[in-house]
N, C-alpha and C. Protein backbone atom coordinates (compact mmCIF):
# COMPACT_ATOMS: atom_id res chain seq x y z
N UNK A 1 161.80 -3.01 -150.94
CA UNK A 1 163.00 -2.96 -151.68
C UNK A 1 164.14 -3.37 -150.78
N UNK A 2 164.97 -4.25 -151.30
CA UNK A 2 166.11 -4.72 -150.54
C UNK A 2 167.25 -3.66 -150.50
N UNK A 3 168.09 -3.80 -149.57
CA UNK A 3 169.22 -2.89 -149.45
C UNK A 3 170.10 -2.97 -150.66
N UNK A 4 170.35 -4.19 -151.17
CA UNK A 4 171.22 -4.32 -152.34
C UNK A 4 170.58 -3.61 -153.59
N UNK A 5 169.27 -3.76 -153.75
CA UNK A 5 168.58 -3.08 -154.87
C UNK A 5 168.69 -1.59 -154.72
N UNK A 6 168.49 -1.11 -153.47
CA UNK A 6 168.55 0.36 -153.25
C UNK A 6 169.98 0.88 -153.58
N UNK A 7 171.00 0.10 -153.18
CA UNK A 7 172.36 0.49 -153.45
C UNK A 7 172.64 0.53 -154.94
N UNK A 8 172.09 -0.52 -155.61
CA UNK A 8 172.29 -0.54 -157.08
C UNK A 8 171.62 0.60 -157.78
N UNK A 9 170.44 0.95 -157.41
CA UNK A 9 169.73 2.12 -157.98
C UNK A 9 170.48 3.39 -157.66
N UNK A 10 170.90 3.54 -156.40
CA UNK A 10 171.66 4.73 -156.01
C UNK A 10 172.95 4.88 -156.85
N UNK A 11 173.65 3.68 -157.09
CA UNK A 11 174.83 3.73 -157.90
C UNK A 11 174.51 4.19 -159.35
N UNK A 12 173.46 3.64 -159.92
CA UNK A 12 173.15 4.10 -161.26
C UNK A 12 172.75 5.51 -161.31
N UNK A 13 171.99 5.99 -160.27
CA UNK A 13 171.57 7.40 -160.25
C UNK A 13 172.87 8.27 -160.18
N UNK A 14 173.83 7.86 -159.37
CA UNK A 14 175.08 8.57 -159.30
C UNK A 14 175.80 8.66 -160.64
N UNK A 15 175.80 7.52 -161.36
CA UNK A 15 176.45 7.42 -162.68
C UNK A 15 175.77 8.38 -163.61
N UNK A 16 174.46 8.42 -163.57
CA UNK A 16 173.72 9.38 -164.43
C UNK A 16 174.02 10.79 -164.07
N UNK A 17 174.00 11.02 -162.72
CA UNK A 17 174.30 12.41 -162.25
C UNK A 17 175.67 12.88 -162.58
N UNK A 18 176.65 11.97 -162.66
CA UNK A 18 177.99 12.33 -162.97
C UNK A 18 178.15 12.42 -164.50
N UNK A 19 177.40 11.65 -165.23
CA UNK A 19 177.46 11.64 -166.69
C UNK A 19 176.89 12.86 -167.34
N UNK A 20 175.82 13.41 -166.77
CA UNK A 20 175.15 14.55 -167.39
C UNK A 20 176.06 15.71 -167.54
N UNK A 21 176.75 16.16 -166.47
CA UNK A 21 177.60 17.30 -166.67
C UNK A 21 178.65 17.06 -167.82
N UNK A 22 179.15 15.81 -167.94
CA UNK A 22 180.06 15.46 -169.01
C UNK A 22 179.42 15.71 -170.36
N UNK A 23 178.18 15.37 -170.49
CA UNK A 23 177.42 15.59 -171.79
C UNK A 23 177.24 17.06 -172.03
N UNK A 24 176.98 17.81 -170.97
CA UNK A 24 176.80 19.27 -171.09
C UNK A 24 178.13 19.98 -171.55
N UNK A 25 179.22 19.48 -170.97
CA UNK A 25 180.47 20.08 -171.27
C UNK A 25 181.05 19.64 -172.63
N UNK A 26 180.70 18.38 -173.02
CA UNK A 26 181.21 17.85 -174.34
C UNK A 26 180.07 17.07 -174.95
N UNK A 27 179.30 17.76 -175.76
CA UNK A 27 178.06 17.07 -176.36
C UNK A 27 178.49 15.88 -177.27
N UNK A 28 179.67 15.83 -177.75
CA UNK A 28 180.14 14.71 -178.60
C UNK A 28 180.24 13.42 -177.82
N UNK A 29 180.27 13.49 -176.50
CA UNK A 29 180.35 12.29 -175.69
C UNK A 29 179.04 11.76 -175.32
N UNK A 30 177.93 12.41 -175.76
CA UNK A 30 176.58 11.96 -175.35
C UNK A 30 176.23 10.59 -175.77
N UNK A 31 176.50 10.13 -176.95
CA UNK A 31 176.07 8.75 -177.32
C UNK A 31 176.80 7.68 -176.46
N UNK A 32 178.07 7.91 -176.17
CA UNK A 32 178.78 6.92 -175.33
C UNK A 32 178.25 6.93 -173.95
N UNK A 33 178.04 8.09 -173.40
CA UNK A 33 177.55 8.18 -172.00
C UNK A 33 176.13 7.63 -171.89
N UNK A 34 175.27 7.91 -172.85
CA UNK A 34 173.98 7.37 -172.86
C UNK A 34 173.94 5.80 -172.99
N UNK A 35 174.79 5.30 -173.81
CA UNK A 35 174.92 3.84 -173.93
C UNK A 35 175.37 3.26 -172.59
N UNK A 36 176.25 3.89 -171.94
CA UNK A 36 176.74 3.44 -170.58
C UNK A 36 175.57 3.43 -169.62
N UNK A 37 174.70 4.43 -169.68
CA UNK A 37 173.54 4.45 -168.83
C UNK A 37 172.68 3.23 -169.04
N UNK A 38 172.38 3.04 -170.35
CA UNK A 38 171.49 1.88 -170.77
C UNK A 38 172.01 0.55 -170.32
N UNK A 39 173.34 0.33 -170.61
CA UNK A 39 173.96 -0.91 -170.26
C UNK A 39 173.98 -1.09 -168.71
N UNK A 40 174.21 0.02 -167.96
CA UNK A 40 174.20 -0.08 -166.56
C UNK A 40 172.80 -0.42 -166.03
N UNK A 41 171.76 0.18 -166.52
CA UNK A 41 170.47 -0.09 -166.12
C UNK A 41 170.02 -1.52 -166.48
N UNK A 42 170.40 -1.96 -167.66
CA UNK A 42 170.04 -3.34 -168.13
C UNK A 42 170.71 -4.42 -167.31
N UNK A 43 171.85 -4.15 -166.72
CA UNK A 43 172.56 -5.17 -166.00
C UNK A 43 172.16 -5.32 -164.57
N UNK A 44 171.08 -4.68 -164.14
CA UNK A 44 170.61 -4.71 -162.77
C UNK A 44 169.64 -5.84 -162.50
N UNK A 45 169.29 -6.66 -163.48
CA UNK A 45 168.34 -7.73 -163.31
C UNK A 45 166.87 -7.33 -163.26
N UNK A 46 166.63 -6.10 -163.71
CA UNK A 46 165.35 -5.62 -163.77
C UNK A 46 165.17 -4.77 -165.02
N UNK A 47 163.95 -4.48 -165.33
CA UNK A 47 163.72 -3.72 -166.54
C UNK A 47 164.09 -2.25 -166.28
N UNK A 48 164.68 -1.66 -167.30
CA UNK A 48 165.14 -0.26 -167.22
C UNK A 48 164.00 0.67 -166.89
N UNK A 49 162.77 0.39 -167.35
CA UNK A 49 161.62 1.25 -167.06
C UNK A 49 161.34 1.23 -165.55
N UNK A 50 161.48 0.05 -164.90
CA UNK A 50 161.22 0.01 -163.48
C UNK A 50 162.24 0.83 -162.70
N UNK A 51 163.49 0.67 -163.13
CA UNK A 51 164.56 1.41 -162.44
C UNK A 51 164.43 2.94 -162.65
N UNK A 52 164.02 3.35 -163.80
CA UNK A 52 163.82 4.73 -164.08
C UNK A 52 162.62 5.27 -163.33
N UNK A 53 161.60 4.39 -163.18
CA UNK A 53 160.42 4.86 -162.41
C UNK A 53 160.79 5.07 -160.96
N UNK A 54 161.57 4.19 -160.45
CA UNK A 54 162.04 4.27 -159.04
C UNK A 54 162.92 5.52 -158.85
N UNK A 55 163.75 5.76 -159.83
CA UNK A 55 164.58 6.99 -159.76
C UNK A 55 163.73 8.28 -159.83
N UNK A 56 162.68 8.24 -160.68
CA UNK A 56 161.78 9.34 -160.78
C UNK A 56 161.02 9.59 -159.47
N UNK A 57 160.62 8.54 -158.90
CA UNK A 57 159.89 8.66 -157.61
C UNK A 57 160.82 9.22 -156.54
N UNK A 58 162.03 8.78 -156.51
CA UNK A 58 163.05 9.33 -155.58
C UNK A 58 163.24 10.83 -155.82
N UNK A 59 163.31 11.23 -157.14
CA UNK A 59 163.55 12.62 -157.49
C UNK A 59 162.38 13.47 -157.10
N UNK A 60 161.17 12.92 -157.29
CA UNK A 60 159.99 13.73 -156.94
C UNK A 60 159.84 13.87 -155.38
N UNK A 61 160.48 13.00 -154.69
CA UNK A 61 160.40 13.06 -153.21
C UNK A 61 161.34 14.15 -152.67
N UNK A 62 162.28 14.63 -153.50
CA UNK A 62 163.24 15.59 -153.07
C UNK A 62 162.55 16.98 -152.91
N UNK A 63 162.94 17.69 -151.90
CA UNK A 63 162.43 19.06 -151.72
C UNK A 63 163.43 20.07 -152.36
N UNK A 64 163.06 21.29 -152.24
CA UNK A 64 163.89 22.41 -152.81
C UNK A 64 165.31 22.51 -152.15
N UNK A 65 165.38 22.18 -150.89
CA UNK A 65 166.65 22.19 -150.20
C UNK A 65 167.55 21.13 -150.73
N UNK A 66 167.01 19.92 -150.85
CA UNK A 66 167.80 18.76 -151.41
C UNK A 66 168.22 19.12 -152.84
N UNK A 67 167.40 19.65 -153.69
CA UNK A 67 167.79 19.98 -155.04
C UNK A 67 168.85 21.09 -155.02
N UNK A 68 168.78 22.02 -154.17
CA UNK A 68 169.82 23.12 -154.07
C UNK A 68 171.19 22.57 -153.77
N UNK A 69 171.21 21.46 -153.00
CA UNK A 69 172.44 20.80 -152.65
C UNK A 69 173.17 20.25 -153.88
N UNK A 70 172.43 19.89 -154.96
CA UNK A 70 173.00 19.30 -156.13
C UNK A 70 173.62 20.31 -157.04
N UNK A 71 173.51 21.56 -156.84
CA UNK A 71 174.15 22.54 -157.63
C UNK A 71 173.28 23.18 -158.75
N UNK A 72 173.82 24.31 -159.23
CA UNK A 72 173.07 25.06 -160.29
C UNK A 72 172.94 24.34 -161.64
N UNK A 73 174.08 23.60 -161.97
CA UNK A 73 174.02 22.88 -163.25
C UNK A 73 172.89 21.80 -163.21
N UNK A 74 172.77 21.09 -162.12
CA UNK A 74 171.72 20.07 -162.01
C UNK A 74 170.37 20.77 -162.08
N UNK A 75 170.16 21.89 -161.32
CA UNK A 75 168.93 22.58 -161.37
C UNK A 75 168.51 22.99 -162.75
N UNK A 76 169.49 23.56 -163.49
CA UNK A 76 169.22 24.01 -164.87
C UNK A 76 168.75 22.84 -165.72
N UNK A 77 169.48 21.76 -165.61
CA UNK A 77 169.04 20.61 -166.46
C UNK A 77 167.68 19.97 -165.94
N UNK A 78 167.54 19.91 -164.63
CA UNK A 78 166.35 19.35 -164.08
C UNK A 78 165.10 20.21 -164.46
N UNK A 79 165.24 21.51 -164.56
CA UNK A 79 164.18 22.36 -164.94
C UNK A 79 163.71 22.13 -166.33
N UNK A 80 164.66 21.62 -167.17
CA UNK A 80 164.29 21.40 -168.63
C UNK A 80 163.54 20.06 -168.73
N UNK A 81 163.69 19.21 -167.70
CA UNK A 81 163.00 17.87 -167.78
C UNK A 81 161.65 17.97 -167.26
């Protein structure tokens, strides 16, 4: 994986991470936020499934300490997934 690709994936992961609390706080914003996720993923020159698979792999590599650093809201949502 190239550095540019890694940075792109990290940026999209950050966008998703920042968008989820917005959805939790205002569920009416969900369609717009989700469309933003999809357009962001589609614009990376790769299939969205590949990007999401890479993000899932990165998430699975995180240990309990890493997850705890992301906060309780993230843990609550992550536990549902």
